All heavy atoms as atom14 arrays in JSON, in Angstrom:
{
  "sequence": "RKVFVFRNDPSDAYVVLSAKLEQPLQNFTV",
  "atom14_mask": [
    [1, 1, 1, 1, 1, 1, 1, 1, 1, 1, 1, 0, 0, 0],
    [1, 1, 1, 1, 1, 1, 1, 1, 1, 0, 0, 0, 0, 0],
    [1, 1, 1, 1, 1, 1, 1, 0, 0, 0, 0, 0, 0, 0],
    [1, 1, 1, 1, 1, 1, 1, 1, 1, 1, 1, 0, 0, 0],
    [1, 1, 1, 1, 1, 1, 1, 0, 0, 0, 0, 0, 0, 0],
    [1, 1, 1, 1, 1, 1, 1, 1, 1, 1, 1, 0, 0, 0],
    [1, 1, 1, 1, 1, 1, 1, 1, 1, 1, 1, 0, 0, 0],
    [1, 1, 1, 1, 1, 1, 1, 1, 0, 0, 0, 0, 0, 0],
    [1, 1, 1, 1, 1, 1, 1, 1, 0, 0, 0, 0, 0, 0],
    [1, 1, 1, 1, 1, 1, 1, 0, 0, 0, 0, 0, 0, 0],
    [1, 1, 1, 1, 1, 1, 0, 0, 0, 0, 0, 0, 0, 0],
    [1, 1, 1, 1, 1, 1, 1, 1, 0, 0, 0, 0, 0, 0],
    [1, 1, 1, 1, 1, 0, 0, 0, 0, 0, 0, 0, 0, 0],
    [1, 1, 1, 1, 1, 1, 1, 1, 1, 1, 1, 1, 0, 0],
    [1, 1, 1, 1, 1, 1, 1, 0, 0, 0, 0, 0, 0, 0],
    [1, 1, 1, 1, 1, 1, 1, 0, 0, 0, 0, 0, 0, 0],
    [1, 1, 1, 1, 1, 1, 1, 1, 0, 0, 0, 0, 0, 0],
    [1, 1, 1, 1, 1, 1, 0, 0, 0, 0, 0, 0, 0, 0],
    [1, 1, 1, 1, 1, 0, 0, 0, 0, 0, 0, 0, 0, 0],
    [1, 1, 1, 1, 1, 1, 1, 1, 1, 0, 0, 0, 0, 0],
    [1, 1, 1, 1, 1, 1, 1, 1, 0, 0, 0, 0, 0, 0],
    [1, 1, 1, 1, 1, 1, 1, 1, 1, 0, 0, 0, 0, 0],
    [1, 1, 1, 1, 1, 1, 1, 1, 1, 0, 0, 0, 0, 0],
    [1, 1, 1, 1, 1, 1, 1, 0, 0, 0, 0, 0, 0, 0],
    [1, 1, 1, 1, 1, 1, 1, 1, 0, 0, 0, 0, 0, 0],
    [1, 1, 1, 1, 1, 1, 1, 1, 1, 0, 0, 0, 0, 0],
    [1, 1, 1, 1, 1, 1, 1, 1, 0, 0, 0, 0, 0, 0],
    [1, 1, 1, 1, 1, 1, 1, 1, 1, 1, 1, 0, 0, 0],
    [1, 1, 1, 1, 1, 1, 1, 0, 0, 0, 0, 0, 0, 0],
    [1, 1, 1, 1, 1, 1, 1, 0, 0, 0, 0, 0, 0, 0]
  ],
  "atom14_positions": [
    [[2.4, 7.6, 14.21], [2.14, 8.22, 15.5], [0.59, 8.46, 15.71], [0.22, 9.18, 16.67], [2.91, 9.51, 15.76], [4.4, 9.26, 15.76], [5.18, 10.54, 16.15], [5.07, 10.65, 17.66], [5.89, 9.89, 18.51], [6.93, 9.12, 18.02], [5.77, 10.04, 19.83], [0.0, 0.0, 0.0], [0.0, 0.0, 0.0], [0.0, 0.0, 0.0]],
    [[-0.16, 7.7, 14.95], [-1.67, 7.76, 15.24], [-2.13, 6.42, 15.53], [-1.45, 5.28, 15.45], [-2.37, 8.2, 13.9], [-2.04, 9.68, 13.59], [-3.12, 10.22, 12.69], [-2.99, 11.76, 12.45], [-1.76, 12.16, 11.78], [0.0, 0.0, 0.0], [0.0, 0.0, 0.0], [0.0, 0.0, 0.0], [0.0, 0.0, 0.0], [0.0, 0.0, 0.0]],
    [[-3.38, 6.31, 16.11], [-3.97, 5.05, 16.56], [-5.51, 5.06, 16.04], [-6.07, 6.06, 15.79], [-3.88, 4.79, 18.01], [-2.62, 4.86, 18.53], [-4.76, 5.83, 18.72], [0.0, 0.0, 0.0], [0.0, 0.0, 0.0], [0.0, 0.0, 0.0], [0.0, 0.0, 0.0], [0.0, 0.0, 0.0], [0.0, 0.0, 0.0], [0.0, 0.0, 0.0]],
    [[-5.96, 3.79, 15.94], [-7.41, 3.56, 15.74], [-7.96, 3.38, 17.27], [-7.49, 2.51, 17.94], [-7.72, 2.47, 14.88], [-7.51, 2.58, 13.44], [-6.88, 1.6, 12.88], [-7.96, 3.57, 12.78], [-6.59, 1.66, 11.39], [-7.86, 3.73, 11.5], [-7.15, 2.7, 10.64], [0.0, 0.0, 0.0], [0.0, 0.0, 0.0], [0.0, 0.0, 0.0]],
    [[-8.93, 4.21, 17.6], [-9.53, 4.08, 18.91], [-10.93, 3.34, 18.71], [-11.87, 3.87, 18.13], [-9.73, 5.28, 19.68], [-10.23, 5.03, 21.05], [-8.38, 6.08, 19.8], [0.0, 0.0, 0.0], [0.0, 0.0, 0.0], [0.0, 0.0, 0.0], [0.0, 0.0, 0.0], [0.0, 0.0, 0.0], [0.0, 0.0, 0.0], [0.0, 0.0, 0.0]],
    [[-11.08, 2.02, 19.15], [-12.43, 1.4, 19.2], [-13.06, 1.73, 20.41], [-12.73, 1.26, 21.43], [-12.24, -0.02, 18.87], [-11.71, -0.46, 17.61], [-10.24, -0.27, 17.32], [-12.46, -0.97, 16.62], [-9.72, -0.63, 16.12], [-11.81, -1.35, 15.42], [-10.52, -1.24, 15.13], [0.0, 0.0, 0.0], [0.0, 0.0, 0.0], [0.0, 0.0, 0.0]],
    [[-14.04, 2.64, 20.49], [-14.48, 3.19, 21.68], [-15.42, 2.34, 22.53], [-15.55, 2.54, 23.7], [-15.24, 4.62, 21.35], [-14.43, 5.57, 20.66], [-14.96, 6.93, 20.72], [-16.42, 6.85, 20.52], [-17.22, 7.93, 20.8], [-16.74, 9.0, 21.23], [-18.56, 7.82, 20.51], [0.0, 0.0, 0.0], [0.0, 0.0, 0.0], [0.0, 0.0, 0.0]],
    [[-16.24, 1.55, 21.8], [-17.32, 0.8, 22.49], [-16.88, -0.63, 22.95], [-16.12, -1.29, 22.31], [-18.56, 0.85, 21.59], [-18.99, 2.19, 21.39], [-18.77, 3.11, 22.05], [-19.77, 2.39, 20.22], [0.0, 0.0, 0.0], [0.0, 0.0, 0.0], [0.0, 0.0, 0.0], [0.0, 0.0, 0.0], [0.0, 0.0, 0.0], [0.0, 0.0, 0.0]],
    [[-17.59, -1.12, 24.06], [-17.46, -2.56, 24.38], [-18.86, -2.94, 24.94], [-19.33, -2.51, 25.92], [-16.34, -2.61, 25.53], [-16.32, -4.11, 26.01], [-16.65, -4.98, 25.33], [-15.89, -4.21, 27.23], [0.0, 0.0, 0.0], [0.0, 0.0, 0.0], [0.0, 0.0, 0.0], [0.0, 0.0, 0.0], [0.0, 0.0, 0.0], [0.0, 0.0, 0.0]],
    [[-19.32, -4.12, 24.35], [-18.82, -4.66, 22.91], [-19.18, -3.65, 21.84], [-19.93, -2.79, 22.11], [-19.73, -5.87, 22.92], [-20.99, -5.73, 23.62], [-20.57, -4.73, 24.73], [0.0, 0.0, 0.0], [0.0, 0.0, 0.0], [0.0, 0.0, 0.0], [0.0, 0.0, 0.0], [0.0, 0.0, 0.0], [0.0, 0.0, 0.0], [0.0, 0.0, 0.0]],
    [[-18.66, -4.0, 20.72], [-18.62, -3.04, 19.6], [-19.1, -3.75, 18.34], [-18.75, -5.02, 18.09], [-17.17, -2.47, 19.53], [-17.14, -1.77, 18.1], [0.0, 0.0, 0.0], [0.0, 0.0, 0.0], [0.0, 0.0, 0.0], [0.0, 0.0, 0.0], [0.0, 0.0, 0.0], [0.0, 0.0, 0.0], [0.0, 0.0, 0.0], [0.0, 0.0, 0.0]],
    [[-19.71, -3.09, 17.49], [-20.09, -3.61, 16.09], [-19.13, -2.86, 15.04], [-19.29, -2.98, 13.97], [-21.63, -3.35, 15.74], [-21.94, -1.9, 15.83], [-21.17, -1.05, 16.16], [-23.13, -1.65, 15.54], [0.0, 0.0, 0.0], [0.0, 0.0, 0.0], [0.0, 0.0, 0.0], [0.0, 0.0, 0.0], [0.0, 0.0, 0.0], [0.0, 0.0, 0.0]],
    [[-18.24, -2.13, 15.54], [-17.4, -1.33, 14.71], [-16.26, -2.14, 14.1], [-15.74, -3.11, 14.81], [-16.89, -0.06, 15.44], [0.0, 0.0, 0.0], [0.0, 0.0, 0.0], [0.0, 0.0, 0.0], [0.0, 0.0, 0.0], [0.0, 0.0, 0.0], [0.0, 0.0, 0.0], [0.0, 0.0, 0.0], [0.0, 0.0, 0.0], [0.0, 0.0, 0.0]],
    [[-15.63, -1.73, 12.98], [-14.44, -2.37, 12.51], [-13.83, -1.44, 11.38], [-14.39, -0.43, 11.07], [-14.82, -3.81, 11.79], [-15.76, -3.76, 10.8], [-15.45, -3.93, 9.42], [-17.11, -3.69, 10.99], [-16.37, -3.96, 8.44], [-18.14, -3.69, 10.02], [-17.69, -3.91, 8.64], [-18.57, -3.84, 7.67], [0.0, 0.0, 0.0], [0.0, 0.0, 0.0]],
    [[-12.58, -1.8, 11.01], [-11.94, -1.06, 9.93], [-11.59, -2.09, 8.88], [-10.99, -3.1, 9.18], [-10.6, -0.42, 10.53], [-9.75, 0.28, 9.47], [-10.96, 0.5, 11.65], [0.0, 0.0, 0.0], [0.0, 0.0, 0.0], [0.0, 0.0, 0.0], [0.0, 0.0, 0.0], [0.0, 0.0, 0.0], [0.0, 0.0, 0.0], [0.0, 0.0, 0.0]],
    [[-12.04, -1.7, 7.6], [-11.6, -2.54, 6.51], [-10.25, -2.05, 5.91], [-10.05, -0.88, 5.64], [-12.73, -2.4, 5.29], [-12.43, -3.26, 4.19], [-14.06, -2.78, 5.92], [0.0, 0.0, 0.0], [0.0, 0.0, 0.0], [0.0, 0.0, 0.0], [0.0, 0.0, 0.0], [0.0, 0.0, 0.0], [0.0, 0.0, 0.0], [0.0, 0.0, 0.0]],
    [[-9.33, -3.03, 5.51], [-8.05, -2.71, 5.01], [-8.01, -3.12, 3.67], [-8.5, -4.26, 3.28], [-6.95, -3.27, 5.78], [-6.84, -2.95, 7.25], [-5.68, -3.63, 7.94], [-6.79, -1.46, 7.52], [0.0, 0.0, 0.0], [0.0, 0.0, 0.0], [0.0, 0.0, 0.0], [0.0, 0.0, 0.0], [0.0, 0.0, 0.0], [0.0, 0.0, 0.0]],
    [[-7.45, -2.39, 2.62], [-7.32, -2.87, 1.27], [-5.84, -3.12, 1.04], [-4.93, -2.22, 1.37], [-7.66, -1.85, 0.28], [-8.85, -1.22, 0.63], [0.0, 0.0, 0.0], [0.0, 0.0, 0.0], [0.0, 0.0, 0.0], [0.0, 0.0, 0.0], [0.0, 0.0, 0.0], [0.0, 0.0, 0.0], [0.0, 0.0, 0.0], [0.0, 0.0, 0.0]],
    [[-5.56, -4.37, 0.58], [-4.22, -4.74, 0.22], [-4.07, -5.11, -1.27], [-5.0, -5.66, -1.93], [-3.87, -6.04, 1.09], [0.0, 0.0, 0.0], [0.0, 0.0, 0.0], [0.0, 0.0, 0.0], [0.0, 0.0, 0.0], [0.0, 0.0, 0.0], [0.0, 0.0, 0.0], [0.0, 0.0, 0.0], [0.0, 0.0, 0.0], [0.0, 0.0, 0.0]],
    [[-2.89, -4.78, -1.78], [-2.6, -5.24, -3.18], [-1.94, -6.57, -3.14], [-0.76, -6.68, -3.01], [-1.67, -4.22, -3.89], [-2.19, -2.73, -3.68], [-2.83, -2.24, -4.83], [-3.28, -0.84, -4.76], [-4.14, -0.47, -3.59], [0.0, 0.0, 0.0], [0.0, 0.0, 0.0], [0.0, 0.0, 0.0], [0.0, 0.0, 0.0], [0.0, 0.0, 0.0]],
    [[-2.82, -7.53, -3.33], [-2.2, -9.05, -3.37], [-2.2, -9.5, -4.75], [-3.28, -9.75, -5.32], [-3.01, -10.0, -2.45], [-2.61, -9.92, -1.06], [-3.75, -10.61, -0.12], [-1.33, -10.76, -0.82], [0.0, 0.0, 0.0], [0.0, 0.0, 0.0], [0.0, 0.0, 0.0], [0.0, 0.0, 0.0], [0.0, 0.0, 0.0], [0.0, 0.0, 0.0]],
    [[-1.03, -9.8, -5.35], [-0.93, -10.26, -6.7], [-1.22, -11.83, -6.66], [-1.83, -12.23, -7.73], [0.49, -10.0, -7.31], [1.08, -8.56, -7.14], [0.14, -7.5, -7.81], [-0.1, -7.8, -9.03], [-0.12, -6.52, -7.12], [0.0, 0.0, 0.0], [0.0, 0.0, 0.0], [0.0, 0.0, 0.0], [0.0, 0.0, 0.0], [0.0, 0.0, 0.0]],
    [[-0.71, -12.51, -5.74], [-0.96, -13.97, -5.81], [-1.15, -14.51, -4.38], [-0.92, -13.83, -3.35], [0.32, -14.57, -6.44], [1.54, -14.25, -5.71], [2.74, -14.03, -6.7], [2.56, -13.51, -7.76], [3.92, -14.25, -6.34], [0.0, 0.0, 0.0], [0.0, 0.0, 0.0], [0.0, 0.0, 0.0], [0.0, 0.0, 0.0], [0.0, 0.0, 0.0]],
    [[-1.52, -15.71, -4.37], [-1.71, -16.38, -2.92], [-0.38, -16.37, -2.22], [0.61, -16.24, -2.78], [-2.17, -17.83, -3.3], [-2.7, -17.74, -4.68], [-2.01, -16.69, -5.36], [0.0, 0.0, 0.0], [0.0, 0.0, 0.0], [0.0, 0.0, 0.0], [0.0, 0.0, 0.0], [0.0, 0.0, 0.0], [0.0, 0.0, 0.0], [0.0, 0.0, 0.0]],
    [[-0.5, -16.51, -0.81], [0.72, -16.36, 0.01], [1.32, -17.68, 0.36], [0.47, -18.49, 0.98], [0.35, -15.56, 1.31], [-0.17, -14.08, 1.09], [-0.75, -13.51, 2.47], [1.07, -13.12, 0.56], [0.0, 0.0, 0.0], [0.0, 0.0, 0.0], [0.0, 0.0, 0.0], [0.0, 0.0, 0.0], [0.0, 0.0, 0.0], [0.0, 0.0, 0.0]],
    [[2.51, -17.88, 0.2], [3.28, -19.1, 0.6], [3.92, -18.81, 1.9], [4.35, -19.68, 2.8], [4.11, -19.56, -0.41], [3.73, -19.85, -1.66], [2.99, -21.22, -1.74], [3.04, -22.03, -0.73], [2.19, -21.47, -2.7], [0.0, 0.0, 0.0], [0.0, 0.0, 0.0], [0.0, 0.0, 0.0], [0.0, 0.0, 0.0], [0.0, 0.0, 0.0]],
    [[4.2, -17.43, 2.23], [4.83, -16.89, 3.45], [4.2, -15.64, 3.87], [3.81, -14.98, 2.86], [6.32, -16.75, 3.21], [6.97, -17.87, 2.58], [7.25, -18.89, 3.31], [7.32, -17.85, 1.3], [0.0, 0.0, 0.0], [0.0, 0.0, 0.0], [0.0, 0.0, 0.0], [0.0, 0.0, 0.0], [0.0, 0.0, 0.0], [0.0, 0.0, 0.0]],
    [[4.14, -15.29, 5.05], [3.69, -13.94, 5.31], [4.15, -13.64, 6.83], [4.48, -14.49, 7.63], [2.19, -13.86, 5.25], [1.33, -14.61, 6.21], [1.08, -14.1, 7.51], [0.82, -15.81, 5.95], [0.4, -14.79, 8.54], [0.15, -16.63, 6.95], [-0.06, -16.13, 8.16], [0.0, 0.0, 0.0], [0.0, 0.0, 0.0], [0.0, 0.0, 0.0]],
    [[4.09, -12.33, 7.1], [4.29, -11.85, 8.64], [3.18, -10.73, 8.73], [3.05, -9.93, 7.93], [5.64, -11.26, 8.74], [6.65, -12.17, 8.36], [5.88, -10.86, 10.15], [0.0, 0.0, 0.0], [0.0, 0.0, 0.0], [0.0, 0.0, 0.0], [0.0, 0.0, 0.0], [0.0, 0.0, 0.0], [0.0, 0.0, 0.0], [0.0, 0.0, 0.0]],
    [[2.59, -10.96, 9.87], [1.65, -9.79, 10.26], [2.1, -9.25, 11.63], [2.46, -9.99, 12.54], [0.08, -10.29, 10.29], [-0.03, -11.44, 11.27], [-0.83, -9.25, 10.67], [0.0, 0.0, 0.0], [0.0, 0.0, 0.0], [0.0, 0.0, 0.0], [0.0, 0.0, 0.0], [0.0, 0.0, 0.0], [0.0, 0.0, 0.0], [0.0, 0.0, 0.0]]
  ]
}
């Protein structure tokens, strides 16, 4: 129930996400 608000336009902001990837992907869904 929370959101990231990117306030500026245009913007130099971003969010880095860390994922635990054991191996390359043959299939995925985002």
